[in-house]
Amino acid sequence: MTFEKVKKLLADQLNVDANTITEKSKVIDDLGADSLDVVEMLMTLEDEFNVTVSDEESVNLKTVGDIVKLIDSKTKKN
């Protein structure tokens, strides 16, 4: 499941407890990511899921659920 994989990646990268991450968790407000964390997160997600996230798409990634939906939409097309 995409959510579980994203949750683990975010927990590892941001040094937060994976059990506290939900699809409604806000990447910056709830998980404490800063702009550099977000860039690193996007690079990791692109590598891990073999997708490309445009700058326009990245602006809309506010919550963990937003990330999961975007990855699912990109991986289902392949």
PDB file of N, CA and C in Angstrom:
ATOM      1  N   MET A   1       0.843  -1.187   0.000  1.00  0.00           N
ATOM      2  CA  MET A   1       0.000   0.000   0.000  1.00  0.00           C
ATOM      3  C   MET A   1       0.887   1.249   0.000  1.00  0.00           C
ATOM      4  N   THR A   2       0.534   2.183  -0.839  1.00  0.00           N
ATOM      5  CA  THR A   2       1.335   3.396  -1.003  1.00  0.00           C
ATOM      6  C   THR A   2       1.462   4.170   0.305  1.00  0.00           C
ATOM      7  N   PHE A   3       0.369   4.305   1.041  1.00  0.00           N
ATOM      8  CA  PHE A   3       0.399   5.088   2.277  1.00  0.00           C
ATOM      9  C   PHE A   3       1.437   4.557   3.252  1.00  0.00           C
ATOM     10  N   GLU A   4       1.486   3.245   3.428  1.00  0.00           N
ATOM     11  CA  GLU A   4       2.436   2.658   4.377  1.00  0.00           C
ATOM     12  C   GLU A   4       3.883   2.958   3.976  1.00  0.00           C
ATOM     13  N   LYS A   5       4.152   2.892   2.681  1.00  0.00           N
ATOM     14  CA  LYS A   5       5.503   3.137   2.195  1.00  0.00           C
ATOM     15  C   LYS A   5       5.878   4.619   2.367  1.00  0.00           C
ATOM     16  N   VAL A   6       4.940   5.501   2.018  1.00  0.00           N
ATOM     17  CA  VAL A   6       5.174   6.945   2.176  1.00  0.00           C
ATOM     18  C   VAL A   6       5.364   7.278   3.650  1.00  0.00           C
ATOM     19  N   LYS A   7       4.543   6.695   4.493  1.00  0.00           N
ATOM     20  CA  LYS A   7       4.629   6.942   5.935  1.00  0.00           C
ATOM     21  C   LYS A   7       6.010   6.556   6.463  1.00  0.00           C
ATOM     22  N   LYS A   8       6.504   5.397   6.061  1.00  0.00           N
ATOM     23  CA  LYS A   8       7.825   4.956   6.525  1.00  0.00           C
ATOM     24  C   LYS A   8       8.928   5.889   6.027  1.00  0.00           C
ATOM     25  N   LEU A   9       8.850   6.282   4.763  1.00  0.00           N
ATOM     26  CA  LEU A   9       9.861   7.184   4.213  1.00  0.00           C
ATOM     27  C   LEU A   9       9.869   8.519   4.946  1.00  0.00           C
ATOM     28  N   LEU A  10       8.678   9.063   5.200  1.00  0.00           N
ATOM     29  CA  LEU A  10       8.582  10.346   5.901  1.00  0.00           C
ATOM     30  C   LEU A  10       9.077  10.219   7.341  1.00  0.00           C
ATOM     31  N   ALA A  11       8.709   9.144   7.993  1.00  0.00           N
ATOM     32  CA  ALA A  11       9.141   8.939   9.380  1.00  0.00           C
ATOM     33  C   ALA A  11      10.665   8.871   9.460  1.00  0.00           C
ATOM     34  N   ASP A  12      11.270   8.138   8.535  1.00  0.00           N
ATOM     35  CA  ASP A  12      12.729   8.008   8.518  1.00  0.00           C
ATOM     36  C   ASP A  12      13.397   9.353   8.222  1.00  0.00           C
ATOM     37  N   GLN A  13      12.892  10.047   7.215  1.00  0.00           N
ATOM     38  CA  GLN A  13      13.524  11.290   6.787  1.00  0.00           C
ATOM     39  C   GLN A  13      13.349  12.414   7.802  1.00  0.00           C
ATOM     40  N   LEU A  14      12.149  12.502   8.378  1.00  0.00           N
ATOM     41  CA  LEU A  14      11.860  13.623   9.276  1.00  0.00           C
ATOM     42  C   LEU A  14      12.066  13.272  10.747  1.00  0.00           C
ATOM     43  N   ASN A  15      12.483  12.037  10.998  1.00  0.00           N
ATOM     44  CA  ASN A  15      12.749  11.570  12.357  1.00  0.00           C
ATOM     45  C   ASN A  15      11.521  11.743  13.263  1.00  0.00           C
ATOM     46  N   VAL A  16      10.378  11.282  12.757  1.00  0.00           N
ATOM     47  CA  VAL A  16       9.152  11.299  13.556  1.00  0.00           C
ATOM     48  C   VAL A  16       8.630   9.875  13.699  1.00  0.00           C
ATOM     49  N   ASP A  17       7.807   9.654  14.700  1.00  0.00           N
ATOM     50  CA  ASP A  17       7.222   8.341  14.944  1.00  0.00           C
ATOM     51  C   ASP A  17       6.207   8.037  13.835  1.00  0.00           C
ATOM     52  N   ALA A  18       6.414   6.943  13.129  1.00  0.00           N
ATOM     53  CA  ALA A  18       5.514   6.572  12.035  1.00  0.00           C
ATOM     54  C   ALA A  18       4.071   6.424  12.514  1.00  0.00           C
ATOM     55  N   ASN A  19       3.889   6.024  13.762  1.00  0.00           N
ATOM     56  CA  ASN A  19       2.536   5.836  14.287  1.00  0.00           C
ATOM     57  C   ASN A  19       1.764   7.142  14.424  1.00  0.00           C
ATOM     58  N   THR A  20       2.462   8.277  14.382  1.00  0.00           N
ATOM     59  CA  THR A  20       1.788   9.569  14.496  1.00  0.00           C
ATOM     60  C   THR A  20       1.374  10.121  13.133  1.00  0.00           C
ATOM     61  N   ILE A  21       1.805   9.469  12.065  1.00  0.00           N
ATOM     62  CA  ILE A  21       1.524   9.966  10.716  1.00  0.00           C
ATOM     63  C   ILE A  21       0.223   9.373  10.196  1.00  0.00           C
ATOM     64  N   THR A  22      -0.683  10.259   9.766  1.00  0.00           N
ATOM     65  CA  THR A  22      -1.929   9.834   9.124  1.00  0.00           C
ATOM     66  C   THR A  22      -2.002  10.496   7.757  1.00  0.00           C
ATOM     67  N   GLU A  23      -3.006  10.122   6.977  1.00  0.00           N
ATOM     68  CA  GLU A  23      -3.148  10.751   5.664  1.00  0.00           C
ATOM     69  C   GLU A  23      -3.495  12.230   5.784  1.00  0.00           C
ATOM     70  N   LYS A  24      -4.022  12.639   6.934  1.00  0.00           N
ATOM     71  CA  LYS A  24      -4.372  14.045   7.137  1.00  0.00           C
ATOM     72  C   LYS A  24      -3.221  14.858   7.714  1.00  0.00           C
ATOM     73  N   SER A  25      -2.114  14.196   8.052  1.00  0.00           N
ATOM     74  CA  SER A  25      -0.958  14.910   8.596  1.00  0.00           C
ATOM     75  C   SER A  25      -0.425  15.903   7.575  1.00  0.00           C
ATOM     76  N   LYS A  26      -0.215  17.139   8.020  1.00  0.00           N
ATOM     77  CA  LYS A  26       0.359  18.166   7.150  1.00  0.00           C
ATOM     78  C   LYS A  26       1.869  18.049   7.230  1.00  0.00           C
ATOM     79  N   VAL A  27       2.498  17.956   6.074  1.00  0.00           N
ATOM     80  CA  VAL A  27       3.934  17.694   6.005  1.00  0.00           C
ATOM     81  C   VAL A  27       4.737  18.762   6.751  1.00  0.00           C
ATOM     82  N   ILE A  28       4.383  20.016   6.570  1.00  0.00           N
ATOM     83  CA  ILE A  28       5.145  21.090   7.213  1.00  0.00           C
ATOM     84  C   ILE A  28       4.632  21.364   8.627  1.00  0.00           C
ATOM     85  N   ASP A  29       3.334  21.573   8.774  1.00  0.00           N
ATOM     86  CA  ASP A  29       2.778  21.961  10.075  1.00  0.00           C
ATOM     87  C   ASP A  29       2.819  20.845  11.109  1.00  0.00           C
ATOM     88  N   ASP A  30       2.450  19.634  10.711  1.00  0.00           N
ATOM     89  CA  ASP A  30       2.354  18.533  11.676  1.00  0.00           C
ATOM     90  C   ASP A  30       3.642  17.731  11.813  1.00  0.00           C
ATOM     91  N   LEU A  31       4.368  17.569  10.713  1.00  0.00           N
ATOM     92  CA  LEU A  31       5.560  16.715  10.740  1.00  0.00           C
ATOM     93  C   LEU A  31       6.854  17.503  10.876  1.00  0.00           C
ATOM     94  N   GLY A  32       6.752  18.827  10.839  1.00  0.00           N
ATOM     95  CA  GLY A  32       7.923  19.669  11.083  1.00  0.00           C
ATOM     96  C   GLY A  32       8.909  19.786   9.946  1.00  0.00           C
ATOM     97  N   ALA A  33       8.482  19.480   8.730  1.00  0.00           N
ATOM     98  CA  ALA A  33       9.388  19.582   7.584  1.00  0.00           C
ATOM     99  C   ALA A  33       9.628  21.054   7.244  1.00  0.00           C
ATOM    100  N   ASP A  34      10.852  21.343   6.787  1.00  0.00           N
ATOM    101  CA  ASP A  34      11.121  22.676   6.248  1.00  0.00           C
ATOM    102  C   ASP A  34      11.286  22.544   4.735  1.00  0.00           C
ATOM    103  N   SER A  35      11.595  23.639   4.077  1.00  0.00           N
ATOM    104  CA  SER A  35      11.642  23.607   2.609  1.00  0.00           C
ATOM    105  C   SER A  35      12.690  22.625   2.085  1.00  0.00           C
ATOM    106  N   LEU A  36      13.827  22.519   2.765  1.00  0.00           N
ATOM    107  CA  LEU A  36      14.853  21.563   2.340  1.00  0.00           C
ATOM    108  C   LEU A  36      14.360  20.129   2.521  1.00  0.00           C
ATOM    109  N   ASP A  37      13.674  19.871   3.639  1.00  0.00           N
ATOM    110  CA  ASP A  37      13.093  18.539   3.869  1.00  0.00           C
ATOM    111  C   ASP A  37      12.130  18.175   2.751  1.00  0.00           C
ATOM    112  N   VAL A  38      11.329  19.153   2.320  1.00  0.00           N
ATOM    113  CA  VAL A  38      10.338  18.892   1.271  1.00  0.00           C
ATOM    114  C   VAL A  38      11.031  18.525  -0.038  1.00  0.00           C
ATOM    115  N   VAL A  39      12.090  19.244  -0.380  1.00  0.00           N
ATOM    116  CA  VAL A  39      12.832  18.941  -1.611  1.00  0.00           C
ATOM    117  C   VAL A  39      13.434  17.533  -1.530  1.00  0.00           C
ATOM    118  N   GLU A  40      14.057  17.225  -0.390  1.00  0.00           N
ATOM    119  CA  GLU A  40      14.651  15.892  -0.212  1.00  0.00           C
ATOM    120  C   GLU A  40      13.576  14.809  -0.252  1.00  0.00           C
ATOM    121  N   MET A  41      12.424  15.084   0.358  1.00  0.00           N
ATOM    122  CA  MET A  41      11.316  14.135   0.369  1.00  0.00           C
ATOM    123  C   MET A  41      10.861  13.846  -1.064  1.00  0.00           C
ATOM    124  N   LEU A  42      10.713  14.907  -1.856  1.00  0.00           N
ATOM    125  CA  LEU A  42      10.266  14.722  -3.240  1.00  0.00           C
ATOM    126  C   LEU A  42      11.275  13.897  -4.041  1.00  0.00           C
ATOM    127  N   MET A  43      12.550  14.150  -3.840  1.00  0.00           N
ATOM    128  CA  MET A  43      13.573  13.376  -4.549  1.00  0.00           C
ATOM    129  C   MET A  43      13.507  11.911  -4.143  1.00  0.00           C
ATOM    130  N   THR A  44      13.328  11.654  -2.851  1.00  0.00           N
ATOM    131  CA  THR A  44      13.225  10.282  -2.358  1.00  0.00           C
ATOM    132  C   THR A  44      11.992   9.591  -2.934  1.00  0.00           C
ATOM    133  N   LEU A  45      10.871  10.294  -2.929  1.00  0.00           N
ATOM    134  CA  LEU A  45       9.632   9.712  -3.459  1.00  0.00           C
ATOM    135  C   LEU A  45       9.757   9.424  -4.955  1.00  0.00           C
ATOM    136  N   GLU A  46      10.378  10.345  -5.684  1.00  0.00           N
ATOM    137  CA  GLU A  46      10.570  10.124  -7.118  1.00  0.00           C
ATOM    138  C   GLU A  46      11.413   8.876  -7.367  1.00  0.00           C
ATOM    139  N   ASP A  47      12.483   8.717  -6.598  1.00  0.00           N
ATOM    140  CA  ASP A  47      13.346   7.542  -6.746  1.00  0.00           C
ATOM    141  C   ASP A  47      12.618   6.263  -6.341  1.00  0.00           C
ATOM    142  N   GLU A  48      11.958   6.316  -5.190  1.00  0.00           N
ATOM    143  CA  GLU A  48      11.322   5.130  -4.620  1.00  0.00           C
ATOM    144  C   GLU A  48      10.163   4.622  -5.486  1.00  0.00           C
ATOM    145  N   PHE A  49       9.378   5.543  -6.022  1.00  0.00           N
ATOM    146  CA  PHE A  49       8.181   5.150  -6.785  1.00  0.00           C
ATOM    147  C   PHE A  49       8.366   5.282  -8.291  1.00  0.00           C
ATOM    148  N   ASN A  50       9.560   5.721  -8.715  1.00  0.00           N
ATOM    149  CA  ASN A  50       9.855   5.881 -10.140  1.00  0.00           C
ATOM    150  C   ASN A  50       8.832   6.788 -10.822  1.00  0.00           C
ATOM    151  N   VAL A  51       8.618   7.955 -10.214  1.00  0.00           N
ATOM    152  CA  VAL A  51       7.707   8.961 -10.764  1.00  0.00           C
ATOM    153  C   VAL A  51       8.441  10.292 -10.826  1.00  0.00           C
ATOM    154  N   THR A  52       7.860  11.240 -11.547  1.00  0.00           N
ATOM    155  CA  THR A  52       8.388  12.592 -11.598  1.00  0.00           C
ATOM    156  C   THR A  52       7.316  13.531 -11.076  1.00  0.00           C
ATOM    157  N   VAL A  53       7.697  14.393 -10.143  1.00  0.00           N
ATOM    158  CA  VAL A  53       6.757  15.363  -9.574  1.00  0.00           C
ATOM    159  C   VAL A  53       7.182  16.740 -10.053  1.00  0.00           C
ATOM    160  N   SER A  54       6.292  17.404 -10.794  1.00  0.00           N
ATOM    161  CA  SER A  54       6.608  18.737 -11.309  1.00  0.00           C
ATOM    162  C   SER A  54       6.516  19.772 -10.195  1.00  0.00           C
ATOM    163  N   ASP A  55       7.094  20.941 -10.450  1.00  0.00           N
ATOM    164  CA  ASP A  55       7.016  22.025  -9.469  1.00  0.00           C
ATOM    165  C   ASP A  55       5.564  22.405  -9.203  1.00  0.00           C
ATOM    166  N   GLU A  56       4.753  22.401 -10.259  1.00  0.00           N
ATOM    167  CA  GLU A  56       3.337  22.745 -10.111  1.00  0.00           C
ATOM    168  C   GLU A  56       2.619  21.743  -9.207  1.00  0.00           C
ATOM    169  N   GLU A  57       2.947  20.473  -9.377  1.00  0.00           N
ATOM    170  CA  GLU A  57       2.326  19.431  -8.546  1.00  0.00           C
ATOM    171  C   GLU A  57       2.812  19.517  -7.100  1.00  0.00           C
ATOM    172  N   SER A  58       4.092  19.801  -6.926  1.00  0.00           N
ATOM    173  CA  SER A  58       4.652  19.813  -5.574  1.00  0.00           C
ATOM    174  C   SER A  58       4.035  20.901  -4.702  1.00  0.00           C
ATOM    175  N   VAL A  59       3.612  21.993  -5.306  1.00  0.00           N
ATOM    176  CA  VAL A  59       2.992  23.093  -4.558  1.00  0.00           C
ATOM    177  C   VAL A  59       1.709  22.628  -3.870  1.00  0.00           C
ATOM    178  N   ASN A  60       1.027  21.653  -4.460  1.00  0.00           N
ATOM    179  CA  ASN A  60      -0.250  21.180  -3.925  1.00  0.00           C
ATOM    180  C   ASN A  60      -0.118  20.041  -2.924  1.00  0.00           C
ATOM    181  N   LEU A  61       1.102  19.636  -2.621  1.00  0.00           N
ATOM    182  CA  LEU A  61       1.306  18.516  -1.699  1.00  0.00           C
ATOM    183  C   LEU A  61       1.413  19.029  -0.266  1.00  0.00           C
ATOM    184  N   LYS A  62       0.272  19.220   0.356  1.00  0.00           N
ATOM    185  CA  LYS A  62       0.236  19.761   1.719  1.00  0.00           C
ATOM    186  C   LYS A  62       0.174  18.654   2.772  1.00  0.00           C
ATOM    187  N   THR A  63      -0.555  17.584   2.469  1.00  0.00           N
ATOM    188  CA  THR A  63      -0.741  16.514   3.442  1.00  0.00           C
ATOM    189  C   THR A  63      -0.148  15.206   2.913  1.00  0.00           C
ATOM    190  N   VAL A  64      -0.004  14.260   3.813  1.00  0.00           N
ATOM    191  CA  VAL A  64       0.482  12.928   3.422  1.00  0.00           C
ATOM    192  C   VAL A  64      -0.496  12.320   2.415  1.00  0.00           C
ATOM    193  N   GLY A  65      -1.792  12.540   2.619  1.00  0.00           N
ATOM    194  CA  GLY A  65      -2.804  12.036   1.691  1.00  0.00           C
ATOM    195  C   GLY A  65      -2.633  12.603   0.290  1.00  0.00           C
ATOM    196  N   ASP A  66      -2.262  13.888   0.202  1.00  0.00           N
ATOM    197  CA  ASP A  66      -2.011  14.502  -1.113  1.00  0.00           C
ATOM    198  C   ASP A  66      -0.874  13.774  -1.833  1.00  0.00           C
ATOM    199  N   ILE A  67       0.161  13.439  -1.084  1.00  0.00           N
ATOM    200  CA  ILE A  67       1.310  12.734  -1.661  1.00  0.00           C
ATOM    201  C   ILE A  67       0.888  11.356  -2.160  1.00  0.00           C
ATOM    202  N   VAL A  68       0.138  10.639  -1.332  1.00  0.00           N
ATOM    203  CA  VAL A  68      -0.323   9.293  -1.693  1.00  0.00           C
ATOM    204  C   VAL A  68      -1.181   9.343  -2.956  1.00  0.00           C
ATOM    205  N   LYS A  69      -2.119  10.287  -3.011  1.00  0.00           N
ATOM    206  CA  LYS A  69      -2.996  10.402  -4.194  1.00  0.00           C
ATOM    207  C   LYS A  69      -2.194  10.680  -5.454  1.00  0.00           C
ATOM    208  N   LEU A  70      -1.214  11.580  -5.356  1.00  0.00           N
ATOM    209  CA  LEU A  70      -0.404  11.912  -6.522  1.00  0.00           C
ATOM    210  C   LEU A  70       0.396  10.695  -6.987  1.00  0.00           C
ATOM    211  N   ILE A  71       1.028  10.005  -6.060  1.00  0.00           N
ATOM    212  CA  ILE A  71       1.815   8.817  -6.426  1.00  0.00           C
ATOM    213  C   ILE A  71       0.912   7.749  -7.029  1.00  0.00           C
ATOM    214  N   ASP A  72      -0.242   7.515  -6.402  1.00  0.00           N
ATOM    215  CA  ASP A  72      -1.163   6.514  -6.944  1.00  0.00           C
ATOM    216  C   ASP A  72      -1.602   6.890  -8.362  1.00  0.00           C
ATOM    217  N   SER A  73      -1.890   8.156  -8.595  1.00  0.00           N
ATOM    218  CA  SER A  73      -2.344   8.579  -9.927  1.00  0.00           C
ATOM    219  C   SER A  73      -1.252   8.377 -10.966  1.00  0.00           C
ATOM    220  N   LYS A  74      -0.008   8.566 -10.565  1.00  0.00           N
ATOM    221  CA  LYS A  74       1.107   8.415 -11.504  1.00  0.00           C
ATOM    222  C   LYS A  74       1.498   6.954 -11.716  1.00  0.00           C
ATOM    223  N   THR A  75       1.391   6.129 -10.673  1.00  0.00           N
ATOM    224  CA  THR A  75       1.814   4.740 -10.817  1.00  0.00           C
ATOM    225  C   THR A  75       0.724   3.876 -11.453  1.00  0.00           C
ATOM    226  N   LYS A  76      -0.521   4.282 -11.360  1.00  0.00           N
ATOM    227  CA  LYS A  76      -1.611   3.504 -11.962  1.00  0.00           C
ATOM    228  C   LYS A  76      -1.602   3.628 -13.484  1.00  0.00           C
ATOM    229  N   LYS A  77      -1.009   4.711 -14.007  1.00  0.00           N
ATOM    230  CA  LYS A  77      -0.977   4.925 -15.452  1.00  0.00           C
ATOM    231  C   LYS A  77       0.038   4.016 -16.135  1.00  0.00           C
ATOM    232  N   ASN A  78       1.027   3.562 -15.365  1.00  0.00           N
ATOM    233  CA  ASN A  78       2.108   2.760 -15.966  1.00  0.00           C
ATOM    234  C   ASN A  78       1.697   1.338 -16.216  1.00  0.00           C
TER     235      ASN A  78
END
